Amino acid sequence: MEGNKLWGGRFTGGTDPVMEAFNASIDYDKRMWNADIQGSQAYVKALEKVNLVTADERKNINNGLEMVAKEWEAGEFVIKPGDEDIHTANERRLKELIGGAAGKLHTGRSRNDQVATDMRIWLREEMTLLKRHLVDFMGVFLNRAKT
């Protein structure tokens, strides 16, 4: 379990299972899987622009991210015990699919950057959906008022 942890190299002992359960957010933030993938796709494009990844590496990473997205869409993505959040889950799977190149996605990006970006993308999409539902709902009221 500790192998997936960002901080895993700093400690010699494992985390208490009670703390693991308390700290895990995957059950809540798995709904942001698509936002996390979109953020990673945009970030790897930026890494290529500043020559921190090659065009081939970007393509490889993006292809891997697309495979991860297809697994989520098909309901086939498997969340494993070490996946404490959506970021570690997607990163773990990306590494399983494409190997070490997946690690380049962390170049210059903090977990806080990733969380803020994912949340913003997810909220933007959810607000757009909510606006559509509200317009539909207003249409129902309008039709009722006409009858």
N, C-alpha and C. Protein backbone atom coordinates (compact mmCIF):
# COMPACT_ATOMS: atom_id res chain seq x y z
N MET A 1 0.81 -1.19 0.00
CA MET A 1 0.00 0.00 0.00
C MET A 1 0.85 1.25 0.00
N GLU A 2 1.96 1.24 0.73
CA GLU A 2 2.78 2.43 0.88
C GLU A 2 3.48 2.81 -0.42
N GLY A 3 3.62 1.89 -1.37
CA GLY A 3 4.33 2.17 -2.61
C GLY A 3 3.71 3.28 -3.43
N ASN A 4 2.42 3.52 -3.29
CA ASN A 4 1.74 4.55 -4.05
C ASN A 4 1.85 5.92 -3.42
N LYS A 5 2.27 6.01 -2.20
CA LYS A 5 2.25 7.26 -1.45
C LYS A 5 3.32 8.22 -1.97
N LEU A 6 2.94 9.49 -2.07
CA LEU A 6 3.91 10.51 -2.46
C LEU A 6 4.99 10.66 -1.40
N TRP A 7 4.63 10.45 -0.15
CA TRP A 7 5.55 10.63 0.96
C TRP A 7 6.15 9.32 1.43
N GLY A 8 5.91 8.23 0.73
CA GLY A 8 6.28 6.90 1.18
C GLY A 8 7.75 6.70 1.52
N GLY A 9 8.66 7.42 0.89
CA GLY A 9 10.07 7.24 1.13
C GLY A 9 10.57 7.86 2.42
N ARG A 10 9.78 8.66 3.06
CA ARG A 10 10.23 9.37 4.26
C ARG A 10 10.05 8.59 5.55
N PHE A 11 9.21 7.58 5.54
CA PHE A 11 8.89 6.87 6.77
C PHE A 11 9.24 5.40 6.64
N THR A 12 9.56 4.78 7.77
CA THR A 12 9.91 3.36 7.74
C THR A 12 8.72 2.47 8.02
N GLY A 13 7.74 2.96 8.78
CA GLY A 13 6.57 2.16 9.11
C GLY A 13 5.39 2.48 8.21
N GLY A 14 4.40 1.62 8.27
CA GLY A 14 3.19 1.82 7.49
C GLY A 14 2.19 2.69 8.22
N THR A 15 1.17 3.09 7.50
CA THR A 15 0.10 3.90 8.06
C THR A 15 -0.93 2.98 8.70
N ASP A 16 -1.44 3.39 9.83
CA ASP A 16 -2.49 2.63 10.51
C ASP A 16 -3.70 2.54 9.58
N PRO A 17 -4.32 1.37 9.44
CA PRO A 17 -5.49 1.22 8.56
C PRO A 17 -6.63 2.18 8.88
N VAL A 18 -6.79 2.55 10.14
CA VAL A 18 -7.84 3.51 10.50
C VAL A 18 -7.54 4.86 9.87
N MET A 19 -6.28 5.26 9.89
CA MET A 19 -5.88 6.53 9.28
C MET A 19 -6.01 6.46 7.77
N GLU A 20 -5.68 5.32 7.18
CA GLU A 20 -5.84 5.13 5.73
C GLU A 20 -7.29 5.39 5.34
N ALA A 21 -8.21 4.78 6.06
CA ALA A 21 -9.63 4.94 5.74
C ALA A 21 -10.08 6.38 5.96
N PHE A 22 -9.60 7.01 7.02
CA PHE A 22 -9.98 8.39 7.33
C PHE A 22 -9.46 9.36 6.27
N ASN A 23 -8.25 9.12 5.79
CA ASN A 23 -7.58 10.04 4.88
C ASN A 23 -7.99 9.85 3.42
N ALA A 24 -8.49 8.70 3.06
CA ALA A 24 -8.84 8.42 1.66
C ALA A 24 -10.04 9.23 1.22
N SER A 25 -9.93 9.82 0.03
CA SER A 25 -11.05 10.59 -0.51
C SER A 25 -11.56 10.02 -1.82
N ILE A 26 -11.01 8.89 -2.24
CA ILE A 26 -11.35 8.33 -3.55
C ILE A 26 -12.84 8.08 -3.72
N ASP A 27 -13.53 7.69 -2.66
CA ASP A 27 -14.97 7.44 -2.79
C ASP A 27 -15.74 8.71 -3.13
N TYR A 28 -15.19 9.85 -2.76
CA TYR A 28 -15.85 11.13 -3.04
C TYR A 28 -15.35 11.74 -4.35
N ASP A 29 -14.04 11.74 -4.54
CA ASP A 29 -13.53 12.48 -5.69
C ASP A 29 -13.38 11.65 -6.95
N LYS A 30 -13.80 10.39 -6.93
CA LYS A 30 -13.74 9.60 -8.16
C LYS A 30 -14.64 10.19 -9.24
N ARG A 31 -15.63 10.97 -8.84
CA ARG A 31 -16.50 11.63 -9.83
C ARG A 31 -15.73 12.66 -10.65
N MET A 32 -14.53 13.04 -10.19
CA MET A 32 -13.72 14.02 -10.91
C MET A 32 -12.69 13.37 -11.83
N TRP A 33 -12.87 12.10 -12.15
CA TRP A 33 -11.88 11.40 -12.96
C TRP A 33 -11.61 12.11 -14.27
N ASN A 34 -12.66 12.59 -14.93
CA ASN A 34 -12.49 13.23 -16.23
C ASN A 34 -11.77 14.57 -16.10
N ALA A 35 -12.09 15.33 -15.08
CA ALA A 35 -11.41 16.61 -14.85
C ALA A 35 -9.92 16.37 -14.59
N ASP A 36 -9.60 15.33 -13.84
CA ASP A 36 -8.20 15.02 -13.56
C ASP A 36 -7.45 14.67 -14.84
N ILE A 37 -8.09 13.91 -15.70
CA ILE A 37 -7.46 13.54 -16.98
C ILE A 37 -7.32 14.77 -17.87
N GLN A 38 -8.34 15.61 -17.95
CA GLN A 38 -8.25 16.83 -18.75
C GLN A 38 -7.12 17.73 -18.26
N GLY A 39 -7.01 17.88 -16.95
CA GLY A 39 -5.94 18.70 -16.38
C GLY A 39 -4.57 18.15 -16.72
N SER A 40 -4.43 16.83 -16.67
CA SER A 40 -3.15 16.20 -17.00
C SER A 40 -2.83 16.35 -18.48
N GLN A 41 -3.83 16.24 -19.33
CA GLN A 41 -3.60 16.43 -20.77
C GLN A 41 -3.14 17.85 -21.08
N ALA A 42 -3.76 18.82 -20.45
CA ALA A 42 -3.35 20.21 -20.65
C ALA A 42 -1.94 20.43 -20.11
N TYR A 43 -1.64 19.82 -18.97
CA TYR A 43 -0.34 20.04 -18.35
C TYR A 43 0.79 19.43 -19.17
N VAL A 44 0.57 18.24 -19.72
CA VAL A 44 1.63 17.62 -20.52
C VAL A 44 1.86 18.42 -21.81
N LYS A 45 0.82 19.06 -22.31
CA LYS A 45 0.97 19.94 -23.48
C LYS A 45 1.86 21.13 -23.11
N ALA A 46 1.65 21.69 -21.92
CA ALA A 46 2.48 22.80 -21.45
C ALA A 46 3.92 22.35 -21.24
N LEU A 47 4.11 21.14 -20.73
CA LEU A 47 5.47 20.61 -20.54
C LEU A 47 6.20 20.49 -21.88
N GLU A 48 5.47 20.10 -22.91
CA GLU A 48 6.08 20.00 -24.23
C GLU A 48 6.47 21.38 -24.75
N LYS A 49 5.62 22.37 -24.53
CA LYS A 49 5.92 23.73 -25.02
C LYS A 49 7.20 24.30 -24.43
N VAL A 50 7.54 23.90 -23.22
CA VAL A 50 8.77 24.40 -22.59
C VAL A 50 9.89 23.35 -22.66
N ASN A 51 9.73 22.38 -23.55
CA ASN A 51 10.75 21.36 -23.83
C ASN A 51 11.12 20.49 -22.63
N LEU A 52 10.16 20.24 -21.75
CA LEU A 52 10.42 19.32 -20.63
C LEU A 52 9.98 17.90 -20.96
N VAL A 53 9.15 17.75 -21.99
CA VAL A 53 8.85 16.44 -22.57
C VAL A 53 8.91 16.59 -24.09
N THR A 54 9.23 15.50 -24.74
CA THR A 54 9.27 15.52 -26.21
C THR A 54 7.86 15.32 -26.76
N ALA A 55 7.72 15.56 -28.05
CA ALA A 55 6.42 15.34 -28.70
C ALA A 55 6.01 13.87 -28.56
N ASP A 56 6.97 12.96 -28.70
CA ASP A 56 6.65 11.53 -28.56
C ASP A 56 6.22 11.19 -27.15
N GLU A 57 6.87 11.78 -26.15
CA GLU A 57 6.48 11.54 -24.76
C GLU A 57 5.08 12.08 -24.49
N ARG A 58 4.80 13.26 -25.02
CA ARG A 58 3.45 13.83 -24.85
C ARG A 58 2.40 12.93 -25.47
N LYS A 59 2.67 12.45 -26.67
CA LYS A 59 1.72 11.56 -27.34
C LYS A 59 1.52 10.27 -26.54
N ASN A 60 2.62 9.72 -26.03
CA ASN A 60 2.55 8.50 -25.23
C ASN A 60 1.72 8.72 -23.97
N ILE A 61 1.98 9.83 -23.27
CA ILE A 61 1.23 10.14 -22.05
C ILE A 61 -0.24 10.37 -22.38
N ASN A 62 -0.52 11.15 -23.43
CA ASN A 62 -1.92 11.41 -23.80
C ASN A 62 -2.64 10.13 -24.22
N ASN A 63 -1.95 9.26 -24.95
CA ASN A 63 -2.57 7.97 -25.32
C ASN A 63 -2.90 7.16 -24.08
N GLY A 64 -1.98 7.15 -23.11
CA GLY A 64 -2.24 6.45 -21.86
C GLY A 64 -3.41 7.05 -21.10
N LEU A 65 -3.47 8.38 -21.06
CA LEU A 65 -4.58 9.05 -20.38
C LEU A 65 -5.91 8.73 -21.07
N GLU A 66 -5.90 8.64 -22.39
CA GLU A 66 -7.11 8.26 -23.12
C GLU A 66 -7.54 6.84 -22.77
N MET A 67 -6.58 5.94 -22.60
CA MET A 67 -6.91 4.57 -22.21
C MET A 67 -7.53 4.54 -20.81
N VAL A 68 -6.98 5.35 -19.90
CA VAL A 68 -7.53 5.44 -18.55
C VAL A 68 -8.96 5.98 -18.62
N ALA A 69 -9.17 7.01 -19.43
CA ALA A 69 -10.51 7.60 -19.58
C ALA A 69 -11.51 6.57 -20.11
N LYS A 70 -11.09 5.77 -21.07
CA LYS A 70 -11.98 4.75 -21.63
C LYS A 70 -12.37 3.72 -20.57
N GLU A 71 -11.43 3.38 -19.70
CA GLU A 71 -11.74 2.44 -18.62
C GLU A 71 -12.80 3.04 -17.68
N TRP A 72 -12.64 4.34 -17.34
CA TRP A 72 -13.63 4.99 -16.49
C TRP A 72 -14.99 5.02 -17.19
N GLU A 73 -15.01 5.41 -18.46
CA GLU A 73 -16.26 5.52 -19.21
C GLU A 73 -16.99 4.18 -19.30
N ALA A 74 -16.23 3.11 -19.45
CA ALA A 74 -16.81 1.77 -19.58
C ALA A 74 -17.14 1.14 -18.22
N GLY A 75 -16.81 1.83 -17.14
CA GLY A 75 -17.04 1.28 -15.81
C GLY A 75 -16.08 0.16 -15.47
N GLU A 76 -14.92 0.12 -16.14
CA GLU A 76 -13.95 -0.96 -15.96
C GLU A 76 -12.74 -0.54 -15.11
N PHE A 77 -12.65 0.73 -14.75
CA PHE A 77 -11.51 1.18 -13.96
C PHE A 77 -11.57 0.53 -12.59
N VAL A 78 -10.45 -0.04 -12.15
CA VAL A 78 -10.39 -0.72 -10.86
C VAL A 78 -9.65 0.16 -9.86
N ILE A 79 -10.36 0.59 -8.82
CA ILE A 79 -9.74 1.34 -7.74
C ILE A 79 -9.08 0.33 -6.81
N LYS A 80 -7.80 0.55 -6.53
CA LYS A 80 -7.05 -0.37 -5.68
C LYS A 80 -6.86 0.24 -4.29
N PRO A 81 -6.56 -0.60 -3.29
CA PRO A 81 -6.45 -0.11 -1.91
C PRO A 81 -5.49 1.07 -1.71
N GLY A 82 -4.41 1.15 -2.45
CA GLY A 82 -3.46 2.25 -2.29
C GLY A 82 -3.89 3.54 -2.95
N ASP A 83 -4.99 3.52 -3.69
CA ASP A 83 -5.48 4.71 -4.39
C ASP A 83 -6.25 5.58 -3.41
N GLU A 84 -5.55 6.52 -2.78
CA GLU A 84 -6.20 7.33 -1.76
C GLU A 84 -7.05 8.45 -2.33
N ASP A 85 -6.77 8.86 -3.59
CA ASP A 85 -7.58 9.90 -4.22
C ASP A 85 -7.57 9.69 -5.73
N ILE A 86 -8.30 10.53 -6.45
CA ILE A 86 -8.43 10.36 -7.89
C ILE A 86 -7.09 10.53 -8.59
N HIS A 87 -6.24 11.38 -8.05
CA HIS A 87 -4.95 11.64 -8.68
C HIS A 87 -4.05 10.42 -8.59
N THR A 88 -3.95 9.82 -7.41
CA THR A 88 -3.10 8.63 -7.28
C THR A 88 -3.68 7.46 -8.06
N ALA A 89 -4.99 7.37 -8.15
CA ALA A 89 -5.62 6.28 -8.91
C ALA A 89 -5.28 6.40 -10.40
N ASN A 90 -5.51 7.59 -10.96
CA ASN A 90 -5.22 7.78 -12.39
C ASN A 90 -3.73 7.67 -12.68
N GLU A 91 -2.89 8.20 -11.81
CA GLU A 91 -1.44 8.13 -12.02
C GLU A 91 -0.94 6.70 -11.93
N ARG A 92 -1.46 5.94 -10.97
CA ARG A 92 -1.07 4.53 -10.86
C ARG A 92 -1.41 3.78 -12.13
N ARG A 93 -2.64 3.97 -12.60
CA ARG A 93 -3.07 3.24 -13.80
C ARG A 93 -2.28 3.69 -15.03
N LEU A 94 -2.02 4.98 -15.13
CA LEU A 94 -1.22 5.48 -16.25
C LEU A 94 0.16 4.84 -16.25
N LYS A 95 0.77 4.74 -15.08
CA LYS A 95 2.09 4.12 -14.98
C LYS A 95 2.03 2.64 -15.35
N GLU A 96 0.95 1.96 -14.97
CA GLU A 96 0.79 0.55 -15.35
C GLU A 96 0.70 0.41 -16.87
N LEU A 97 0.08 1.38 -17.51
CA LEU A 97 -0.14 1.30 -18.96
C LEU A 97 1.07 1.74 -19.78
N ILE A 98 1.76 2.80 -19.35
CA ILE A 98 2.84 3.34 -20.19
C ILE A 98 4.21 3.32 -19.54
N GLY A 99 4.29 2.92 -18.30
CA GLY A 99 5.59 2.83 -17.63
C GLY A 99 6.08 4.15 -17.06
N GLY A 100 7.40 4.26 -16.99
CA GLY A 100 8.05 5.38 -16.32
C GLY A 100 7.76 6.75 -16.88
N ALA A 101 7.39 6.84 -18.15
CA ALA A 101 7.08 8.15 -18.75
C ALA A 101 5.96 8.85 -17.99
N ALA A 102 5.12 8.09 -17.32
CA ALA A 102 4.01 8.68 -16.55
C ALA A 102 4.54 9.60 -15.46
N GLY A 103 5.72 9.32 -14.94
CA GLY A 103 6.31 10.13 -13.88
C GLY A 103 6.64 11.55 -14.31
N LYS A 104 6.81 11.77 -15.61
CA LYS A 104 7.12 13.11 -16.10
C LYS A 104 5.96 14.07 -15.92
N LEU A 105 4.79 13.54 -15.71
CA LEU A 105 3.60 14.37 -15.53
C LEU A 105 3.68 15.19 -14.25
N HIS A 106 4.57 14.81 -13.33
CA HIS A 106 4.70 15.54 -12.06
C HIS A 106 5.73 16.66 -12.12
N THR A 107 6.44 16.78 -13.23
CA THR A 107 7.48 17.79 -13.33
C THR A 107 6.91 19.19 -13.09
N GLY A 108 7.33 19.80 -11.99
CA GLY A 108 6.93 21.17 -11.69
C GLY A 108 5.49 21.36 -11.26
N ARG A 109 4.79 20.28 -10.96
CA ARG A 109 3.37 20.39 -10.58
C ARG A 109 3.17 19.81 -9.19
N SER A 110 2.62 20.62 -8.31
CA SER A 110 2.35 20.14 -6.95
C SER A 110 0.98 19.49 -6.90
N ARG A 111 0.76 18.71 -5.86
CA ARG A 111 -0.55 18.10 -5.65
C ARG A 111 -1.61 19.18 -5.47
N ASN A 112 -1.25 20.28 -4.79
CA ASN A 112 -2.20 21.37 -4.61
C ASN A 112 -2.60 22.00 -5.94
N ASP A 113 -1.64 22.15 -6.86
CA ASP A 113 -1.95 22.65 -8.21
C ASP A 113 -2.96 21.73 -8.88
N GLN A 114 -2.71 20.45 -8.75
CA GLN A 114 -3.56 19.45 -9.39
C GLN A 114 -4.97 19.47 -8.80
N VAL A 115 -5.07 19.54 -7.50
CA VAL A 115 -6.38 19.56 -6.83
C VAL A 115 -7.16 20.80 -7.26
N ALA A 116 -6.51 21.96 -7.23
CA ALA A 116 -7.20 23.21 -7.59
C ALA A 116 -7.65 23.19 -9.05
N THR A 117 -6.80 22.70 -9.94
CA THR A 117 -7.15 22.63 -11.36
C THR A 117 -8.31 21.68 -11.59
N ASP A 118 -8.22 20.49 -11.00
CA ASP A 118 -9.28 19.49 -11.17
C ASP A 118 -10.61 20.01 -10.64
N MET A 119 -10.57 20.64 -9.49
CA MET A 119 -11.80 21.16 -8.89
C MET A 119 -12.42 22.24 -9.78
N ARG A 120 -11.58 23.09 -10.33
CA ARG A 120 -12.10 24.16 -11.20
C ARG A 120 -12.73 23.58 -12.48
N ILE A 121 -12.05 22.62 -13.09
CA ILE A 121 -12.59 21.98 -14.31
C ILE A 121 -13.91 21.29 -13.98
N TRP A 122 -13.93 20.53 -12.89
CA TRP A 122 -15.13 19.78 -12.52
C TRP A 122 -16.29 20.73 -12.21
N LEU A 123 -16.02 21.78 -11.45
CA LEU A 123 -17.08 22.74 -11.11
C LEU A 123 -17.61 23.45 -12.35
N ARG A 124 -16.73 23.80 -13.27
CA ARG A 124 -17.16 24.44 -14.52
C ARG A 124 -18.13 23.54 -15.28
N GLU A 125 -17.79 22.26 -15.38
CA GLU A 125 -18.66 21.32 -16.09
C GLU A 125 -19.98 21.12 -15.36
N GLU A 126 -19.92 20.99 -14.04
CA GLU A 126 -21.14 20.79 -13.26
C GLU A 126 -22.04 22.02 -13.30
N MET A 127 -21.46 23.21 -13.27
CA MET A 127 -22.26 24.44 -13.33
C MET A 127 -22.93 24.57 -14.70
N THR A 128 -22.24 24.18 -15.76
CA THR A 128 -22.83 24.21 -17.10
C THR A 128 -24.02 23.26 -17.16
N LEU A 129 -23.88 22.09 -16.60
CA LEU A 129 -24.97 21.12 -16.55
C LEU A 129 -26.14 21.65 -15.72
N LEU A 130 -25.83 22.24 -14.58
CA LEU A 130 -26.87 22.81 -13.72
C LEU A 130 -27.63 23.93 -14.44
N LYS A 131 -26.91 24.78 -15.17
CA LYS A 131 -27.58 25.85 -15.93
C LYS A 131 -28.53 25.27 -16.96
N ARG A 132 -28.09 24.20 -17.65
CA ARG A 132 -28.96 23.56 -18.64
C ARG A 132 -30.23 23.02 -17.99
N HIS A 133 -30.08 22.39 -16.84
CA HIS A 133 -31.25 21.86 -16.13
C HIS A 133 -32.18 22.98 -15.68
N LEU A 134 -31.62 24.08 -15.23
CA LEU A 134 -32.45 25.22 -14.81
C LEU A 134 -33.22 25.82 -15.98
N VAL A 135 -32.59 25.92 -17.13
CA VAL A 135 -33.28 26.42 -18.32
C VAL A 135 -34.43 25.48 -18.69
N ASP A 136 -34.18 24.18 -18.65
CA ASP A 136 -35.24 23.20 -18.92
C ASP A 136 -36.38 23.34 -17.92
N PHE A 137 -36.02 23.51 -16.66
CA PHE A 137 -37.02 23.65 -15.60
C PHE A 137 -37.85 24.92 -15.80
N MET A 138 -37.20 26.01 -16.19
CA MET A 138 -37.93 27.25 -16.47
C MET A 138 -38.88 27.06 -17.65
N GLY A 139 -38.46 26.25 -18.61
CA GLY A 139 -39.32 25.95 -19.75
C GLY A 139 -40.59 25.22 -19.33
N VAL A 140 -40.47 24.34 -18.35
CA VAL A 140 -41.64 23.64 -17.82
C VAL A 140 -42.60 24.65 -17.20
N PHE A 141 -42.08 25.57 -16.40
CA PHE A 141 -42.92 26.61 -15.80
C PHE A 141 -43.59 27.46 -16.87
N LEU A 142 -42.84 27.82 -17.88
CA LEU A 142 -43.39 28.65 -18.96
C LEU A 142 -44.52 27.92 -19.67
N ASN A 143 -44.32 26.66 -19.98
CA ASN A 143 -45.37 25.88 -20.64
C ASN A 143 -46.60 25.72 -19.75
N ARG A 144 -46.38 25.54 -18.46
CA ARG A 144 -47.52 25.42 -17.52
C ARG A 144 -48.28 26.75 -17.45
N ALA A 145 -47.56 27.85 -17.50
CA ALA A 145 -48.20 29.17 -17.42
C ALA A 145 -49.03 29.45 -18.67
N LYS A 146 -48.63 28.90 -19.79
CA LYS A 146 -49.35 29.12 -21.05
C LYS A 146 -50.63 28.31 -21.11
N THR A 147 -50.72 27.24 -20.33
CA THR A 147 -51.92 26.39 -20.41
C THR A 147 -52.97 26.78 -19.41
